[in-house]
mmCIF file of all heavy atoms, coordinates in Angstrom:
data_MODEL
# 
_entry.id   MODEL 
# 
loop_
_atom_site.group_PDB 
_atom_site.id 
_atom_site.type_symbol 
_atom_site.label_atom_id 
_atom_site.label_alt_id 
_atom_site.label_comp_id 
_atom_site.label_asym_id 
_atom_site.label_entity_id 
_atom_site.label_seq_id 
_atom_site.pdbx_PDB_ins_code 
_atom_site.Cartn_x 
_atom_site.Cartn_y 
_atom_site.Cartn_z 
_atom_site.occupancy 
_atom_site.B_iso_or_equiv 
_atom_site.pdbx_formal_charge 
_atom_site.auth_seq_id 
_atom_site.auth_comp_id 
_atom_site.auth_asym_id 
_atom_site.auth_atom_id 
_atom_site.pdbx_PDB_model_num 
ATOM 1   N N   . TYR A 1 1  ? 70.351 70.512 60.862 1.00 0.00 ? 1  TYR A N   1 
ATOM 2   C CA  . TYR A 1 1  ? 69.441 69.688 60.074 1.00 0.00 ? 1  TYR A CA  1 
ATOM 3   C C   . TYR A 1 1  ? 68.172 69.430 60.873 1.00 0.00 ? 1  TYR A C   1 
ATOM 4   O O   . TYR A 1 1  ? 68.211 68.890 61.974 1.00 0.00 ? 1  TYR A O   1 
ATOM 5   C CB  . TYR A 1 1  ? 70.093 68.345 59.725 1.00 0.00 ? 1  TYR A CB  1 
ATOM 6   C CG  . TYR A 1 1  ? 69.163 67.417 58.964 1.00 0.00 ? 1  TYR A CG  1 
ATOM 7   C CD1 . TYR A 1 1  ? 69.101 67.464 57.582 1.00 0.00 ? 1  TYR A CD1 1 
ATOM 8   C CD2 . TYR A 1 1  ? 68.339 66.520 59.639 1.00 0.00 ? 1  TYR A CD2 1 
ATOM 9   C CE1 . TYR A 1 1  ? 68.244 66.637 56.876 1.00 0.00 ? 1  TYR A CE1 1 
ATOM 10  C CE2 . TYR A 1 1  ? 67.469 65.690 58.944 1.00 0.00 ? 1  TYR A CE2 1 
ATOM 11  C CZ  . TYR A 1 1  ? 67.430 65.749 57.564 1.00 0.00 ? 1  TYR A CZ  1 
ATOM 12  O OH  . TYR A 1 1  ? 66.578 64.939 56.874 1.00 0.00 ? 1  TYR A OH  1 
ATOM 13  N N   . THR A 1 2  ? 67.043 69.835 60.336 1.00 0.00 ? 2  THR A N   1 
ATOM 14  C CA  . THR A 1 2  ? 65.736 69.550 60.931 1.00 0.00 ? 2  THR A CA  1 
ATOM 15  C C   . THR A 1 2  ? 64.784 69.189 59.801 1.00 0.00 ? 2  THR A C   1 
ATOM 16  O O   . THR A 1 2  ? 64.791 69.832 58.751 1.00 0.00 ? 2  THR A O   1 
ATOM 17  C CB  . THR A 1 2  ? 65.183 70.764 61.704 1.00 0.00 ? 2  THR A CB  1 
ATOM 18  O OG1 . THR A 1 2  ? 66.111 71.143 62.708 1.00 0.00 ? 2  THR A OG1 1 
ATOM 19  C CG2 . THR A 1 2  ? 63.856 70.418 62.363 1.00 0.00 ? 2  THR A CG2 1 
ATOM 20  N N   . SER A 1 3  ? 63.972 68.160 60.015 1.00 0.00 ? 3  SER A N   1 
ATOM 21  C CA  . SER A 1 3  ? 63.058 67.715 58.974 1.00 0.00 ? 3  SER A CA  1 
ATOM 22  C C   . SER A 1 3  ? 61.716 67.347 59.590 1.00 0.00 ? 3  SER A C   1 
ATOM 23  O O   . SER A 1 3  ? 61.658 66.820 60.703 1.00 0.00 ? 3  SER A O   1 
ATOM 24  C CB  . SER A 1 3  ? 63.647 66.504 58.241 1.00 0.00 ? 3  SER A CB  1 
ATOM 25  O OG  . SER A 1 3  ? 62.753 66.007 57.261 1.00 0.00 ? 3  SER A OG  1 
ATOM 26  N N   . ARG A 1 4  ? 60.648 67.629 58.878 1.00 0.00 ? 4  ARG A N   1 
ATOM 27  C CA  . ARG A 1 4  ? 59.294 67.296 59.320 1.00 0.00 ? 4  ARG A CA  1 
ATOM 28  C C   . ARG A 1 4  ? 58.713 66.263 58.368 1.00 0.00 ? 4  ARG A C   1 
ATOM 29  O O   . ARG A 1 4  ? 58.725 66.455 57.145 1.00 0.00 ? 4  ARG A O   1 
ATOM 30  C CB  . ARG A 1 4  ? 58.420 68.541 59.364 1.00 0.00 ? 4  ARG A CB  1 
ATOM 31  C CG  . ARG A 1 4  ? 58.938 69.590 60.327 1.00 0.00 ? 4  ARG A CG  1 
ATOM 32  C CD  . ARG A 1 4  ? 58.235 70.933 60.133 1.00 0.00 ? 4  ARG A CD  1 
ATOM 33  N NE  . ARG A 1 4  ? 56.878 70.931 60.646 1.00 0.00 ? 4  ARG A NE  1 
ATOM 34  C CZ  . ARG A 1 4  ? 56.558 71.246 61.902 1.00 0.00 ? 4  ARG A CZ  1 
ATOM 35  N NH1 . ARG A 1 4  ? 57.503 71.570 62.766 1.00 0.00 ? 4  ARG A NH1 1 
ATOM 36  N NH2 . ARG A 1 4  ? 55.295 71.235 62.297 1.00 0.00 ? 4  ARG A NH2 1 
ATOM 37  N N   . ARG A 1 5  ? 58.205 65.158 58.922 1.00 0.00 ? 5  ARG A N   1 
ATOM 38  C CA  . ARG A 1 5  ? 57.638 64.094 58.103 1.00 0.00 ? 5  ARG A CA  1 
ATOM 39  C C   . ARG A 1 5  ? 56.213 63.788 58.553 1.00 0.00 ? 5  ARG A C   1 
ATOM 40  O O   . ARG A 1 5  ? 55.917 63.797 59.750 1.00 0.00 ? 5  ARG A O   1 
ATOM 41  C CB  . ARG A 1 5  ? 58.464 62.800 58.218 1.00 0.00 ? 5  ARG A CB  1 
ATOM 42  C CG  . ARG A 1 5  ? 59.952 62.950 57.918 1.00 0.00 ? 5  ARG A CG  1 
ATOM 43  C CD  . ARG A 1 5  ? 60.213 63.215 56.470 1.00 0.00 ? 5  ARG A CD  1 
ATOM 44  N NE  . ARG A 1 5  ? 61.612 63.484 56.216 1.00 0.00 ? 5  ARG A NE  1 
ATOM 45  C CZ  . ARG A 1 5  ? 62.523 62.568 55.877 1.00 0.00 ? 5  ARG A CZ  1 
ATOM 46  N NH1 . ARG A 1 5  ? 62.149 61.297 55.743 1.00 0.00 ? 5  ARG A NH1 1 
ATOM 47  N NH2 . ARG A 1 5  ? 63.771 62.912 55.662 1.00 0.00 ? 5  ARG A NH2 1 
ATOM 48  N N   . THR A 1 6  ? 55.356 63.512 57.590 1.00 0.00 ? 6  THR A N   1 
ATOM 49  C CA  . THR A 1 6  ? 54.018 63.043 57.922 1.00 0.00 ? 6  THR A CA  1 
ATOM 50  C C   . THR A 1 6  ? 54.061 61.529 58.134 1.00 0.00 ? 6  THR A C   1 
ATOM 51  O O   . THR A 1 6  ? 55.062 60.875 57.848 1.00 0.00 ? 6  THR A O   1 
ATOM 52  C CB  . THR A 1 6  ? 53.014 63.396 56.809 1.00 0.00 ? 6  THR A CB  1 
ATOM 53  O OG1 . THR A 1 6  ? 53.517 62.888 55.560 1.00 0.00 ? 6  THR A OG1 1 
ATOM 54  C CG2 . THR A 1 6  ? 52.838 64.898 56.708 1.00 0.00 ? 6  THR A CG2 1 
ATOM 55  N N   . VAL A 1 7  ? 52.965 60.994 58.632 1.00 0.00 ? 7  VAL A N   1 
ATOM 56  C CA  . VAL A 1 7  ? 52.885 59.571 58.965 1.00 0.00 ? 7  VAL A CA  1 
ATOM 57  C C   . VAL A 1 7  ? 51.832 58.908 58.089 1.00 0.00 ? 7  VAL A C   1 
ATOM 58  O O   . VAL A 1 7  ? 50.750 59.461 57.870 1.00 0.00 ? 7  VAL A O   1 
ATOM 59  C CB  . VAL A 1 7  ? 52.530 59.399 60.462 1.00 0.00 ? 7  VAL A CB  1 
ATOM 60  C CG1 . VAL A 1 7  ? 52.276 57.930 60.803 1.00 0.00 ? 7  VAL A CG1 1 
ATOM 61  C CG2 . VAL A 1 7  ? 53.650 59.962 61.336 1.00 0.00 ? 7  VAL A CG2 1 
ATOM 62  N N   . VAL A 1 8  ? 52.146 57.719 57.589 1.00 0.00 ? 8  VAL A N   1 
ATOM 63  C CA  . VAL A 1 8  ? 51.189 57.007 56.733 1.00 0.00 ? 8  VAL A CA  1 
ATOM 64  C C   . VAL A 1 8  ? 50.566 55.816 57.449 1.00 0.00 ? 8  VAL A C   1 
ATOM 65  O O   . VAL A 1 8  ? 49.485 55.356 57.068 1.00 0.00 ? 8  VAL A O   1 
ATOM 66  C CB  . VAL A 1 8  ? 51.857 56.536 55.421 1.00 0.00 ? 8  VAL A CB  1 
ATOM 67  C CG1 . VAL A 1 8  ? 52.244 57.733 54.566 1.00 0.00 ? 8  VAL A CG1 1 
ATOM 68  C CG2 . VAL A 1 8  ? 53.078 55.656 55.698 1.00 0.00 ? 8  VAL A CG2 1 
ATOM 69  N N   . THR A 1 9  ? 51.240 55.299 58.465 1.00 0.00 ? 9  THR A N   1 
ATOM 70  C CA  . THR A 1 9  ? 50.721 54.136 59.185 1.00 0.00 ? 9  THR A CA  1 
ATOM 71  C C   . THR A 1 9  ? 50.995 54.277 60.673 1.00 0.00 ? 9  THR A C   1 
ATOM 72  O O   . THR A 1 9  ? 52.098 54.657 61.077 1.00 0.00 ? 9  THR A O   1 
ATOM 73  C CB  . THR A 1 9  ? 51.371 52.823 58.694 1.00 0.00 ? 9  THR A CB  1 
ATOM 74  O OG1 . THR A 1 9  ? 51.237 52.717 57.282 1.00 0.00 ? 9  THR A OG1 1 
ATOM 75  C CG2 . THR A 1 9  ? 50.723 51.618 59.351 1.00 0.00 ? 9  THR A CG2 1 
ATOM 76  N N   . SER A 1 10 ? 49.988 53.990 61.481 1.00 0.00 ? 10 SER A N   1 
ATOM 77  C CA  . SER A 1 10 ? 50.143 53.973 62.936 1.00 0.00 ? 10 SER A CA  1 
ATOM 78  C C   . SER A 1 10 ? 49.710 52.595 63.435 1.00 0.00 ? 10 SER A C   1 
ATOM 79  O O   . SER A 1 10 ? 48.580 52.181 63.202 1.00 0.00 ? 10 SER A O   1 
ATOM 80  C CB  . SER A 1 10 ? 49.279 55.065 63.577 1.00 0.00 ? 10 SER A CB  1 
ATOM 81  O OG  . SER A 1 10 ? 49.333 54.974 64.990 1.00 0.00 ? 10 SER A OG  1 
ATOM 82  N N   . ILE A 1 11 ? 50.635 51.899 64.101 1.00 0.00 ? 11 ILE A N   1 
ATOM 83  C CA  . ILE A 1 11 ? 50.341 50.554 64.594 1.00 0.00 ? 11 ILE A CA  1 
ATOM 84  C C   . ILE A 1 11 ? 50.421 50.559 66.119 1.00 0.00 ? 11 ILE A C   1 
ATOM 85  O O   . ILE A 1 11 ? 51.502 50.702 66.697 1.00 0.00 ? 11 ILE A O   1 
ATOM 86  C CB  . ILE A 1 11 ? 51.313 49.511 64.025 1.00 0.00 ? 11 ILE A CB  1 
ATOM 87  C CG1 . ILE A 1 11 ? 51.307 49.527 62.494 1.00 0.00 ? 11 ILE A CG1 1 
ATOM 88  C CG2 . ILE A 1 11 ? 50.949 48.121 64.549 1.00 0.00 ? 11 ILE A CG2 1 
ATOM 89  C CD1 . ILE A 1 11 ? 52.316 48.582 61.867 1.00 0.00 ? 11 ILE A CD1 1 
ATOM 90  N N   . ILE A 1 12 ? 49.288 50.426 66.762 1.00 0.00 ? 12 ILE A N   1 
ATOM 91  C CA  . ILE A 1 12 ? 49.232 50.336 68.215 1.00 0.00 ? 12 ILE A CA  1 
ATOM 92  C C   . ILE A 1 12 ? 49.220 48.860 68.605 1.00 0.00 ? 12 ILE A C   1 
ATOM 93  O O   . ILE A 1 12 ? 48.560 48.047 67.949 1.00 0.00 ? 12 ILE A O   1 
ATOM 94  C CB  . ILE A 1 12 ? 47.970 51.042 68.747 1.00 0.00 ? 12 ILE A CB  1 
ATOM 95  C CG1 . ILE A 1 12 ? 48.063 52.545 68.473 1.00 0.00 ? 12 ILE A CG1 1 
ATOM 96  C CG2 . ILE A 1 12 ? 47.771 50.783 70.238 1.00 0.00 ? 12 ILE A CG2 1 
ATOM 97  C CD1 . ILE A 1 12 ? 46.803 53.314 68.836 1.00 0.00 ? 12 ILE A CD1 1 
ATOM 98  N N   . HIS A 1 13 ? 49.952 48.519 69.653 1.00 0.00 ? 13 HIS A N   1 
ATOM 99  C CA  . HIS A 1 13 ? 49.975 47.115 70.063 1.00 0.00 ? 13 HIS A CA  1 
ATOM 100 C C   . HIS A 1 13 ? 48.552 46.627 70.311 1.00 0.00 ? 13 HIS A C   1 
ATOM 101 O O   . HIS A 1 13 ? 47.759 47.296 70.996 1.00 0.00 ? 13 HIS A O   1 
ATOM 102 C CB  . HIS A 1 13 ? 50.817 46.940 71.330 1.00 0.00 ? 13 HIS A CB  1 
ATOM 103 C CG  . HIS A 1 13 ? 51.177 45.515 71.592 1.00 0.00 ? 13 HIS A CG  1 
ATOM 104 N ND1 . HIS A 1 13 ? 50.312 44.631 72.192 1.00 0.00 ? 13 HIS A ND1 1 
ATOM 105 C CD2 . HIS A 1 13 ? 52.299 44.814 71.316 1.00 0.00 ? 13 HIS A CD2 1 
ATOM 106 C CE1 . HIS A 1 13 ? 50.888 43.448 72.279 1.00 0.00 ? 13 HIS A CE1 1 
ATOM 107 N NE2 . HIS A 1 13 ? 52.100 43.529 71.761 1.00 0.00 ? 13 HIS A NE2 1 
ATOM 108 N N   . PRO A 1 14 ? 48.190 45.473 69.758 1.00 0.00 ? 14 PRO A N   1 
ATOM 109 C CA  . PRO A 1 14 ? 46.804 45.003 69.856 1.00 0.00 ? 14 PRO A CA  1 
ATOM 110 C C   . PRO A 1 14 ? 46.343 44.727 71.291 1.00 0.00 ? 14 PRO A C   1 
ATOM 111 O O   . PRO A 1 14 ? 45.126 44.713 71.553 1.00 0.00 ? 14 PRO A O   1 
ATOM 112 C CB  . PRO A 1 14 ? 46.806 43.720 69.023 1.00 0.00 ? 14 PRO A CB  1 
ATOM 113 C CG  . PRO A 1 14 ? 48.246 43.284 68.984 1.00 0.00 ? 14 PRO A CG  1 
ATOM 114 C CD  . PRO A 1 14 ? 49.025 44.542 68.976 1.00 0.00 ? 14 PRO A CD  1 
ATOM 115 N N   . SER A 1 15 ? 47.272 44.529 72.216 1.00 0.00 ? 15 SER A N   1 
ATOM 116 C CA  . SER A 1 15 ? 46.896 44.246 73.603 1.00 0.00 ? 15 SER A CA  1 
ATOM 117 C C   . SER A 1 15 ? 47.055 45.460 74.517 1.00 0.00 ? 15 SER A C   1 
ATOM 118 O O   . SER A 1 15 ? 47.067 45.312 75.746 1.00 0.00 ? 15 SER A O   1 
ATOM 119 C CB  . SER A 1 15 ? 47.736 43.073 74.140 1.00 0.00 ? 15 SER A CB  1 
ATOM 120 O OG  . SER A 1 15 ? 47.498 41.901 73.405 1.00 0.00 ? 15 SER A OG  1 
ATOM 121 N N   . TYR A 1 16 ? 47.171 46.630 73.931 1.00 0.00 ? 16 TYR A N   1 
ATOM 122 C CA  . TYR A 1 16 ? 47.289 47.838 74.740 1.00 0.00 ? 16 TYR A CA  1 
ATOM 123 C C   . TYR A 1 16 ? 46.030 48.041 75.583 1.00 0.00 ? 16 TYR A C   1 
ATOM 124 O O   . TYR A 1 16 ? 44.910 47.990 75.079 1.00 0.00 ? 16 TYR A O   1 
ATOM 125 C CB  . TYR A 1 16 ? 47.515 49.050 73.843 1.00 0.00 ? 16 TYR A CB  1 
ATOM 126 C CG  . TYR A 1 16 ? 47.410 50.377 74.557 1.00 0.00 ? 16 TYR A CG  1 
ATOM 127 C CD1 . TYR A 1 16 ? 48.191 50.651 75.678 1.00 0.00 ? 16 TYR A CD1 1 
ATOM 128 C CD2 . TYR A 1 16 ? 46.526 51.367 74.113 1.00 0.00 ? 16 TYR A CD2 1 
ATOM 129 C CE1 . TYR A 1 16 ? 48.089 51.862 76.346 1.00 0.00 ? 16 TYR A CE1 1 
ATOM 130 C CE2 . TYR A 1 16 ? 46.422 52.576 74.762 1.00 0.00 ? 16 TYR A CE2 1 
ATOM 131 C CZ  . TYR A 1 16 ? 47.207 52.821 75.879 1.00 0.00 ? 16 TYR A CZ  1 
ATOM 132 O OH  . TYR A 1 16 ? 47.102 54.029 76.542 1.00 0.00 ? 16 TYR A OH  1 
ATOM 133 N N   . ASP A 1 17 ? 46.226 48.266 76.879 1.00 0.00 ? 17 ASP A N   1 
ATOM 134 C CA  . ASP A 1 17 ? 45.127 48.457 77.816 1.00 0.00 ? 17 ASP A CA  1 
ATOM 135 C C   . ASP A 1 17 ? 45.122 49.918 78.278 1.00 0.00 ? 17 ASP A C   1 
ATOM 136 O O   . ASP A 1 17 ? 46.053 50.365 78.942 1.00 0.00 ? 17 ASP A O   1 
ATOM 137 C CB  . ASP A 1 17 ? 45.296 47.524 79.017 1.00 0.00 ? 17 ASP A CB  1 
ATOM 138 C CG  . ASP A 1 17 ? 44.075 47.484 79.922 1.00 0.00 ? 17 ASP A CG  1 
ATOM 139 O OD1 . ASP A 1 17 ? 43.478 48.555 80.174 1.00 0.00 ? 17 ASP A OD1 1 
ATOM 140 O OD2 . ASP A 1 17 ? 43.720 46.392 80.406 1.00 0.00 ? 17 ASP A OD2 1 
ATOM 141 N N   . THR A 1 18 ? 44.083 50.644 77.933 1.00 0.00 ? 18 THR A N   1 
ATOM 142 C CA  . THR A 1 18 ? 44.035 52.073 78.253 1.00 0.00 ? 18 THR A CA  1 
ATOM 143 C C   . THR A 1 18 ? 43.901 52.339 79.750 1.00 0.00 ? 18 THR A C   1 
ATOM 144 O O   . THR A 1 18 ? 44.243 53.421 80.226 1.00 0.00 ? 18 THR A O   1 
ATOM 145 C CB  . THR A 1 18 ? 42.853 52.747 77.531 1.00 0.00 ? 18 THR A CB  1 
ATOM 146 O OG1 . THR A 1 18 ? 41.626 52.099 77.914 1.00 0.00 ? 18 THR A OG1 1 
ATOM 147 C CG2 . THR A 1 18 ? 43.022 52.652 76.021 1.00 0.00 ? 18 THR A CG2 1 
ATOM 148 N N   . LYS A 1 19 ? 43.408 51.360 80.511 1.00 0.00 ? 19 LYS A N   1 
ATOM 149 C CA  . LYS A 1 19 ? 43.223 51.558 81.944 1.00 0.00 ? 19 LYS A CA  1 
ATOM 150 C C   . LYS A 1 19 ? 44.498 51.292 82.729 1.00 0.00 ? 19 LYS A C   1 
ATOM 151 O O   . LYS A 1 19 ? 44.831 52.025 83.667 1.00 0.00 ? 19 LYS A O   1 
ATOM 152 C CB  . LYS A 1 19 ? 42.104 50.656 82.456 1.00 0.00 ? 19 LYS A CB  1 
ATOM 153 C CG  . LYS A 1 19 ? 40.730 51.012 81.899 1.00 0.00 ? 19 LYS A CG  1 
ATOM 154 C CD  . LYS A 1 19 ? 39.659 50.091 82.467 1.00 0.00 ? 19 LYS A CD  1 
ATOM 155 C CE  . LYS A 1 19 ? 38.284 50.465 81.925 1.00 0.00 ? 19 LYS A CE  1 
ATOM 156 N NZ  . LYS A 1 19 ? 37.219 49.556 82.470 1.00 0.00 ? 19 LYS A NZ  1 
ATOM 157 N N   . THR A 1 20 ? 45.235 50.260 82.345 1.00 0.00 ? 20 THR A N   1 
ATOM 158 C CA  . THR A 1 20 ? 46.440 49.878 83.085 1.00 0.00 ? 20 THR A CA  1 
ATOM 159 C C   . THR A 1 20 ? 47.723 50.338 82.416 1.00 0.00 ? 20 THR A C   1 
ATOM 160 O O   . THR A 1 20 ? 48.800 50.266 83.008 1.00 0.00 ? 20 THR A O   1 
ATOM 161 C CB  . THR A 1 20 ? 46.498 48.358 83.247 1.00 0.00 ? 20 THR A CB  1 
ATOM 162 O OG1 . THR A 1 20 ? 46.644 47.750 81.946 1.00 0.00 ? 20 THR A OG1 1 
ATOM 163 C CG2 . THR A 1 20 ? 45.233 47.828 83.919 1.00 0.00 ? 20 THR A CG2 1 
ATOM 164 N N   . GLN A 1 21 ? 47.624 50.772 81.155 1.00 0.00 ? 21 GLN A N   1 
ATOM 165 C CA  . GLN A 1 21 ? 48.772 51.163 80.328 1.00 0.00 ? 21 GLN A CA  1 
ATOM 166 C C   . GLN A 1 21 ? 49.714 49.994 80.052 1.00 0.00 ? 21 GLN A C   1 
ATOM 167 O O   . GLN A 1 21 ? 50.882 50.182 79.700 1.00 0.00 ? 21 GLN A O   1 
ATOM 168 C CB  . GLN A 1 21 ? 49.561 52.322 80.979 1.00 0.00 ? 21 GLN A CB  1 
ATOM 169 C CG  . GLN A 1 21 ? 48.763 53.599 81.122 1.00 0.00 ? 21 GLN A CG  1 
ATOM 170 C CD  . GLN A 1 21 ? 48.203 54.096 79.796 1.00 0.00 ? 21 GLN A CD  1 
ATOM 171 O OE1 . GLN A 1 21 ? 48.918 54.178 78.803 1.00 0.00 ? 21 GLN A OE1 1 
ATOM 172 N NE2 . GLN A 1 21 ? 46.923 54.413 79.779 1.00 0.00 ? 21 GLN A NE2 1 
ATOM 173 N N   . ASN A 1 22 ? 49.206 48.776 80.191 1.00 0.00 ? 22 ASN A N   1 
ATOM 174 C CA  . ASN A 1 22 ? 49.998 47.617 79.806 1.00 0.00 ? 22 ASN A CA  1 
ATOM 175 C C   . ASN A 1 22 ? 50.112 47.580 78.280 1.00 0.00 ? 22 ASN A C   1 
ATOM 176 O O   . ASN A 1 22 ? 49.164 47.901 77.574 1.00 0.00 ? 22 ASN A O   1 
ATOM 177 C CB  . ASN A 1 22 ? 49.326 46.344 80.312 1.00 0.00 ? 22 ASN A CB  1 
ATOM 178 C CG  . ASN A 1 22 ? 50.256 45.137 80.293 1.00 0.00 ? 22 ASN A CG  1 
ATOM 179 O OD1 . ASN A 1 22 ? 51.475 45.279 80.413 1.00 0.00 ? 22 ASN A OD1 1 
ATOM 180 N ND2 . ASN A 1 22 ? 49.690 43.959 80.149 1.00 0.00 ? 22 ASN A ND2 1 
ATOM 181 N N   . ASN A 1 23 ? 51.291 47.207 77.778 1.00 0.00 ? 23 ASN A N   1 
ATOM 182 C CA  . ASN A 1 23 ? 51.563 47.167 76.333 1.00 0.00 ? 23 ASN A CA  1 
ATOM 183 C C   . ASN A 1 23 ? 51.447 48.549 75.694 1.00 0.00 ? 23 ASN A C   1 
ATOM 184 O O   . ASN A 1 23 ? 50.914 48.702 74.583 1.00 0.00 ? 23 ASN A O   1 
ATOM 185 C CB  . ASN A 1 23 ? 50.630 46.182 75.621 1.00 0.00 ? 23 ASN A CB  1 
ATOM 186 C CG  . ASN A 1 23 ? 50.777 44.765 76.124 1.00 0.00 ? 23 ASN A CG  1 
ATOM 187 O OD1 . ASN A 1 23 ? 51.861 44.178 76.052 1.00 0.00 ? 23 ASN A OD1 1 
ATOM 188 N ND2 . ASN A 1 23 ? 49.704 44.222 76.684 1.00 0.00 ? 23 ASN A ND2 1 
ATOM 189 N N   . ASP A 1 24 ? 51.945 49.557 76.386 1.00 0.00 ? 24 ASP A N   1 
ATOM 190 C CA  . ASP A 1 24 ? 51.873 50.941 75.899 1.00 0.00 ? 24 ASP A CA  1 
ATOM 191 C C   . ASP A 1 24 ? 52.992 51.206 74.896 1.00 0.00 ? 24 ASP A C   1 
ATOM 192 O O   . ASP A 1 24 ? 53.997 51.845 75.197 1.00 0.00 ? 24 ASP A O   1 
ATOM 193 C CB  . ASP A 1 24 ? 51.981 51.899 77.088 1.00 0.00 ? 24 ASP A CB  1 
ATOM 194 C CG  . ASP A 1 24 ? 51.727 53.353 76.706 1.00 0.00 ? 24 ASP A CG  1 
ATOM 195 O OD1 . ASP A 1 24 ? 51.198 53.583 75.601 1.00 0.00 ? 24 ASP A OD1 1 
ATOM 196 O OD2 . ASP A 1 24 ? 52.058 54.239 77.515 1.00 0.00 ? 24 ASP A OD2 1 
ATOM 197 N N   . VAL A 1 25 ? 52.803 50.709 73.689 1.00 0.00 ? 25 VAL A N   1 
ATOM 198 C CA  . VAL A 1 25 ? 53.831 50.836 72.652 1.00 0.00 ? 25 VAL A CA  1 
ATOM 199 C C   . VAL A 1 25 ? 53.156 50.923 71.290 1.00 0.00 ? 25 VAL A C   1 
ATOM 200 O O   . VAL A 1 25 ? 52.096 50.334 71.055 1.00 0.00 ? 25 VAL A O   1 
ATOM 201 C CB  . VAL A 1 25 ? 54.814 49.638 72.711 1.00 0.00 ? 25 VAL A CB  1 
ATOM 202 C CG1 . VAL A 1 25 ? 54.096 48.316 72.442 1.00 0.00 ? 25 VAL A CG1 1 
ATOM 203 C CG2 . VAL A 1 25 ? 55.983 49.823 71.768 1.00 0.00 ? 25 VAL A CG2 1 
ATOM 204 N N   . ALA A 1 26 ? 53.767 51.699 70.395 1.00 0.00 ? 26 ALA A N   1 
ATOM 205 C CA  . ALA A 1 26 ? 53.215 51.871 69.049 1.00 0.00 ? 26 ALA A CA  1 
ATOM 206 C C   . ALA A 1 26 ? 54.341 52.150 68.065 1.00 0.00 ? 26 ALA A C   1 
ATOM 207 O O   . ALA A 1 26 ? 55.452 52.560 68.451 1.00 0.00 ? 26 ALA A O   1 
ATOM 208 C CB  . ALA A 1 26 ? 52.202 53.022 69.027 1.00 0.00 ? 26 ALA A CB  1 
ATOM 209 N N   . LEU A 1 27 ? 54.047 51.945 66.798 1.00 0.00 ? 27 LEU A N   1 
ATOM 210 C CA  . LEU A 1 27 ? 54.997 52.205 65.712 1.00 0.00 ? 27 LEU A CA  1 
ATOM 211 C C   . LEU A 1 27 ? 54.357 53.161 64.715 1.00 0.00 ? 27 LEU A C   1 
ATOM 212 O O   . LEU A 1 27 ? 53.173 53.038 64.400 1.00 0.00 ? 27 LEU A O   1 
ATOM 213 C CB  . LEU A 1 27 ? 55.372 50.903 65.003 1.00 0.00 ? 27 LEU A CB  1 
ATOM 214 C CG  . LEU A 1 27 ? 56.192 49.896 65.803 1.00 0.00 ? 27 LEU A CG  1 
ATOM 215 C CD1 . LEU A 1 27 ? 56.170 48.537 65.116 1.00 0.00 ? 27 LEU A CD1 1 
ATOM 216 C CD2 . LEU A 1 27 ? 57.622 50.398 65.970 1.00 0.00 ? 27 LEU A CD2 1 
ATOM 217 N N   . LEU A 1 28 ? 55.148 54.109 64.215 1.00 0.00 ? 28 LEU A N   1 
ATOM 218 C CA  . LEU A 1 28 ? 54.689 55.049 63.201 1.00 0.00 ? 28 LEU A CA  1 
ATOM 219 C C   . LEU A 1 28 ? 55.555 54.907 61.960 1.00 0.00 ? 28 LEU A C   1 
ATOM 220 O O   . LEU A 1 28 ? 56.787 54.950 62.042 1.00 0.00 ? 28 LEU A O   1 
ATOM 221 C CB  . LEU A 1 28 ? 54.786 56.490 63.724 1.00 0.00 ? 28 LEU A CB  1 
ATOM 222 C CG  . LEU A 1 28 ? 53.970 56.835 64.971 1.00 0.00 ? 28 LEU A CG  1 
ATOM 223 C CD1 . LEU A 1 28 ? 54.254 58.268 65.392 1.00 0.00 ? 28 LEU A CD1 1 
ATOM 224 C CD2 . LEU A 1 28 ? 52.483 56.619 64.731 1.00 0.00 ? 28 LEU A CD2 1 
# 
């Protein structure tokens, strides 16, 4: 069983810091 799904919503943590990678979490 293998399935491919597209994504309708991407939620990145609002406090994600690109320099320190603090709060490096997201939901799809």
